[in-house]
């Protein structure tokens, strides 16, 4: 009977762990904080008169580092990955469009404003953790 209860407890804890992980926010991490501020700074310095693809790729790479680092930490990092997903999509669309030639300055300005807003919101959320 003890073995049955031990197995049942283990199964319940395993199932509960997966469920709890989706509701419990991740904790403060110096590396994630530094990376999101680096990303925010990159978005603040987007210059639509300079080659756009290079700038878009820098943002993509910083977000990729953040994602790889967070995934490597484990499953309790899903909340921060959801925070950067919109930025990743925006940066990827901008980089893809600017591969062959630079899009119009108006397109660049729209992407810049969008990325700055997304980076500011993600920064506040990530830096606001305990």
C-alpha atoms as a PDB file:
ATOM      1  CA  UNK A   1       0.000   0.000   0.000  1.00  0.00           C
ATOM      2  CA  UNK A   2       2.881   2.371   0.794  1.00  0.00           C
ATOM      3  CA  UNK A   3       4.363   1.758  -2.641  1.00  0.00           C
ATOM      4  CA  UNK A   4       1.030   2.530  -4.280  1.00  0.00           C
ATOM      5  CA  UNK A   5       0.743   5.813  -2.334  1.00  0.00           C
ATOM      6  CA  UNK A   6       4.328   6.728  -3.181  1.00  0.00           C
ATOM      7  CA  UNK A   7       3.735   6.147  -6.907  1.00  0.00           C
ATOM      8  CA  UNK A   8       0.428   8.016  -6.790  1.00  0.00           C
ATOM      9  CA  UNK A   9       2.068  10.932  -4.972  1.00  0.00           C
ATOM     10  CA  UNK A  10       4.876  11.041  -7.522  1.00  0.00           C
ATOM     11  CA  UNK A  11       2.395  11.083 -10.407  1.00  0.00           C
ATOM     12  CA  UNK A  12       0.335  13.833  -8.802  1.00  0.00           C
ATOM     13  CA  UNK A  13       3.410  15.941  -8.082  1.00  0.00           C
ATOM     14  CA  UNK A  14       4.653  15.519 -11.638  1.00  0.00           C
ATOM     15  CA  UNK A  15       1.301  16.545 -13.100  1.00  0.00           C
ATOM     16  CA  UNK A  16       1.009  19.384 -10.604  1.00  0.00           C
ATOM     17  CA  UNK A  17       4.522  20.595 -11.428  1.00  0.00           C
ATOM     18  CA  UNK A  18       3.611  21.049 -15.088  1.00  0.00           C
ATOM     19  CA  UNK A  19       0.440  22.917 -14.174  1.00  0.00           C
ATOM     20  CA  UNK A  20       2.080  25.043 -11.496  1.00  0.00           C
ATOM     21  CA  UNK A  21       4.915  25.989 -13.849  1.00  0.00           C
ATOM     22  CA  UNK A  22       2.457  27.706 -16.145  1.00  0.00           C
ATOM     23  CA  UNK A  23       1.120  29.911 -13.329  1.00  0.00           C
ATOM     24  CA  UNK A  24       4.223  30.652 -11.262  1.00  0.00           C
ATOM     25  CA  UNK A  25       6.282  33.509 -12.697  1.00  0.00           C
ATOM     26  CA  UNK A  26       9.995  33.086 -13.079  1.00  0.00           C
ATOM     27  CA  UNK A  27      12.340  34.822 -10.680  1.00  0.00           C
ATOM     28  CA  UNK A  28      14.875  37.612 -11.100  1.00  0.00           C
ATOM     29  CA  UNK A  29      17.804  36.773 -13.328  1.00  0.00           C
ATOM     30  CA  UNK A  30      20.722  39.164 -13.880  1.00  0.00           C
ATOM     31  CA  UNK A  31      21.531  37.793 -17.324  1.00  0.00           C
ATOM     32  CA  UNK A  32      17.976  38.102 -18.614  1.00  0.00           C
ATOM     33  CA  UNK A  33      17.747  41.608 -17.190  1.00  0.00           C
ATOM     34  CA  UNK A  34      20.954  42.652 -18.935  1.00  0.00           C
ATOM     35  CA  UNK A  35      19.879  41.098 -22.219  1.00  0.00           C
ATOM     36  CA  UNK A  36      16.455  42.744 -22.312  1.00  0.00           C
ATOM     37  CA  UNK A  37      18.012  46.144 -21.574  1.00  0.00           C
ATOM     38  CA  UNK A  38      20.547  45.529 -24.359  1.00  0.00           C
ATOM     39  CA  UNK A  39      17.622  44.838 -26.671  1.00  0.00           C
ATOM     40  CA  UNK A  40      15.792  47.941 -25.489  1.00  0.00           C
ATOM     41  CA  UNK A  41      18.916  50.021 -26.091  1.00  0.00           C
ATOM     42  CA  UNK A  42      19.299  48.601 -29.600  1.00  0.00           C
ATOM     43  CA  UNK A  43      15.728  49.616 -30.397  1.00  0.00           C
ATOM     44  CA  UNK A  44      16.325  53.123 -29.025  1.00  0.00           C
ATOM     45  CA  UNK A  45      19.244  53.584 -31.426  1.00  0.00           C
ATOM     46  CA  UNK A  46      17.601  52.385 -34.640  1.00  0.00           C
ATOM     47  CA  UNK A  47      18.585  54.852 -37.363  1.00  0.00           C
ATOM     48  CA  UNK A  48      16.414  54.530 -40.460  1.00  0.00           C
ATOM     49  CA  UNK A  49      19.078  56.300 -42.547  1.00  0.00           C
ATOM     50  CA  UNK A  50      21.600  53.499 -41.920  1.00  0.00           C
ATOM     51  CA  UNK A  51      21.419  49.971 -43.406  1.00  0.00           C
ATOM     52  CA  UNK A  52      18.384  48.406 -41.770  1.00  0.00           C
ATOM     53  CA  UNK A  53      19.251  44.722 -42.077  1.00  0.00           C
ATOM     54  CA  UNK A  54      22.297  45.019 -39.832  1.00  0.00           C
ATOM     55  CA  UNK A  55      20.251  46.720 -37.126  1.00  0.00           C
ATOM     56  CA  UNK A  56      17.433  44.177 -37.398  1.00  0.00           C
ATOM     57  CA  UNK A  57      19.901  41.296 -37.178  1.00  0.00           C
ATOM     58  CA  UNK A  58      21.500  42.752 -34.036  1.00  0.00           C
ATOM     59  CA  UNK A  59      18.105  42.817 -32.349  1.00  0.00           C
ATOM     60  CA  UNK A  60      17.312  39.308 -33.587  1.00  0.00           C
ATOM     61  CA  UNK A  61      20.589  37.956 -32.207  1.00  0.00           C
ATOM     62  CA  UNK A  62      20.106  39.546 -28.799  1.00  0.00           C
ATOM     63  CA  UNK A  63      16.595  38.104 -28.595  1.00  0.00           C
ATOM     64  CA  UNK A  64      17.905  34.729 -29.742  1.00  0.00           C
ATOM     65  CA  UNK A  65      20.505  34.803 -26.942  1.00  0.00           C
ATOM     66  CA  UNK A  66      17.751  35.639 -24.462  1.00  0.00           C
ATOM     67  CA  UNK A  67      15.605  32.775 -25.754  1.00  0.00           C
ATOM     68  CA  UNK A  68      18.415  30.201 -25.732  1.00  0.00           C
ATOM     69  CA  UNK A  69      19.507  31.227 -22.257  1.00  0.00           C
ATOM     70  CA  UNK A  70      15.940  31.097 -20.920  1.00  0.00           C
ATOM     71  CA  UNK A  71      15.227  27.720 -22.528  1.00  0.00           C
ATOM     72  CA  UNK A  72      18.440  26.355 -21.056  1.00  0.00           C
ATOM     73  CA  UNK A  73      17.323  27.393 -17.564  1.00  0.00           C
ATOM     74  CA  UNK A  74      14.290  25.157 -17.785  1.00  0.00           C
ATOM     75  CA  UNK A  75      10.540  25.095 -17.942  1.00  0.00           C
ATOM     76  CA  UNK A  76       9.931  27.838 -15.375  1.00  0.00           C
ATOM     77  CA  UNK A  77      11.044  30.404 -17.964  1.00  0.00           C
ATOM     78  CA  UNK A  78       7.997  30.191 -20.238  1.00  0.00           C
ATOM     79  CA  UNK A  79       6.622  33.499 -19.000  1.00  0.00           C
ATOM     80  CA  UNK A  80       9.642  35.487 -20.194  1.00  0.00           C
ATOM     81  CA  UNK A  81       9.680  33.658 -23.498  1.00  0.00           C
ATOM     82  CA  UNK A  82       6.090  34.761 -24.049  1.00  0.00           C
ATOM     83  CA  UNK A  83       7.161  38.343 -23.331  1.00  0.00           C
ATOM     84  CA  UNK A  84       9.798  38.419 -26.049  1.00  0.00           C
ATOM     85  CA  UNK A  85       7.824  36.478 -28.684  1.00  0.00           C
ATOM     86  CA  UNK A  86       6.167  39.591 -30.194  1.00  0.00           C
ATOM     87  CA  UNK A  87       9.552  41.328 -30.466  1.00  0.00           C
ATOM     88  CA  UNK A  88      11.057  38.286 -32.125  1.00  0.00           C
ATOM     89  CA  UNK A  89       8.283  38.285 -34.698  1.00  0.00           C
ATOM     90  CA  UNK A  90       8.641  42.017 -35.392  1.00  0.00           C
ATOM     91  CA  UNK A  91      12.445  41.847 -35.661  1.00  0.00           C
ATOM     92  CA  UNK A  92      12.306  38.782 -37.919  1.00  0.00           C
ATOM     93  CA  UNK A  93       9.783  40.402 -40.267  1.00  0.00           C
ATOM     94  CA  UNK A  94      11.946  43.526 -40.455  1.00  0.00           C
ATOM     95  CA  UNK A  95      15.152  41.532 -41.058  1.00  0.00           C
ATOM     96  CA  UNK A  96      13.518  39.379 -43.737  1.00  0.00           C
ATOM     97  CA  UNK A  97      12.147  42.404 -45.550  1.00  0.00           C
ATOM     98  CA  UNK A  98      15.462  44.253 -45.436  1.00  0.00           C
ATOM     99  CA  UNK A  99      17.610  41.373 -46.741  1.00  0.00           C
ATOM    100  CA  UNK A 100      17.559  42.393 -50.405  1.00  0.00           C
ATOM    101  CA  UNK A 101      17.186  46.158 -50.004  1.00  0.00           C
ATOM    102  CA  UNK A 102      16.210  48.610 -47.321  1.00  0.00           C
ATOM    103  CA  UNK A 103      12.483  49.178 -46.927  1.00  0.00           C
ATOM    104  CA  UNK A 104      11.183  52.723 -46.952  1.00  0.00           C
ATOM    105  CA  UNK A 105      12.050  55.045 -44.061  1.00  0.00           C
ATOM    106  CA  UNK A 106       8.346  55.084 -43.113  1.00  0.00           C
ATOM    107  CA  UNK A 107       8.358  51.271 -42.754  1.00  0.00           C
ATOM    108  CA  UNK A 108      11.528  51.485 -40.660  1.00  0.00           C
ATOM    109  CA  UNK A 109      10.012  54.134 -38.392  1.00  0.00           C
ATOM    110  CA  UNK A 110       6.918  51.990 -37.820  1.00  0.00           C
ATOM    111  CA  UNK A 111       9.066  48.971 -36.925  1.00  0.00           C
ATOM    112  CA  UNK A 112      11.251  51.141 -34.682  1.00  0.00           C
ATOM    113  CA  UNK A 113       8.255  52.455 -32.735  1.00  0.00           C
ATOM    114  CA  UNK A 114       6.764  48.981 -32.441  1.00  0.00           C
ATOM    115  CA  UNK A 115      10.034  47.419 -31.268  1.00  0.00           C
ATOM    116  CA  UNK A 116      10.639  50.224 -28.777  1.00  0.00           C
ATOM    117  CA  UNK A 117       7.174  49.780 -27.281  1.00  0.00           C
ATOM    118  CA  UNK A 118       7.551  46.001 -27.109  1.00  0.00           C
ATOM    119  CA  UNK A 119      11.040  46.266 -25.586  1.00  0.00           C
ATOM    120  CA  UNK A 120       9.903  48.799 -22.992  1.00  0.00           C
ATOM    121  CA  UNK A 121       6.993  46.620 -21.892  1.00  0.00           C
ATOM    122  CA  UNK A 122       9.128  43.467 -21.769  1.00  0.00           C
ATOM    123  CA  UNK A 123      11.851  45.320 -19.842  1.00  0.00           C
ATOM    124  CA  UNK A 124       9.411  46.530 -17.208  1.00  0.00           C
ATOM    125  CA  UNK A 125       7.982  43.052 -16.758  1.00  0.00           C
ATOM    126  CA  UNK A 126      11.355  41.292 -16.639  1.00  0.00           C
ATOM    127  CA  UNK A 127      12.986  43.847 -14.354  1.00  0.00           C
ATOM    128  CA  UNK A 128       9.924  43.895 -12.109  1.00  0.00           C
ATOM    129  CA  UNK A 129      10.332  40.312 -10.957  1.00  0.00           C
ATOM    130  CA  UNK A 130      11.507  39.353  -7.478  1.00  0.00           C
END
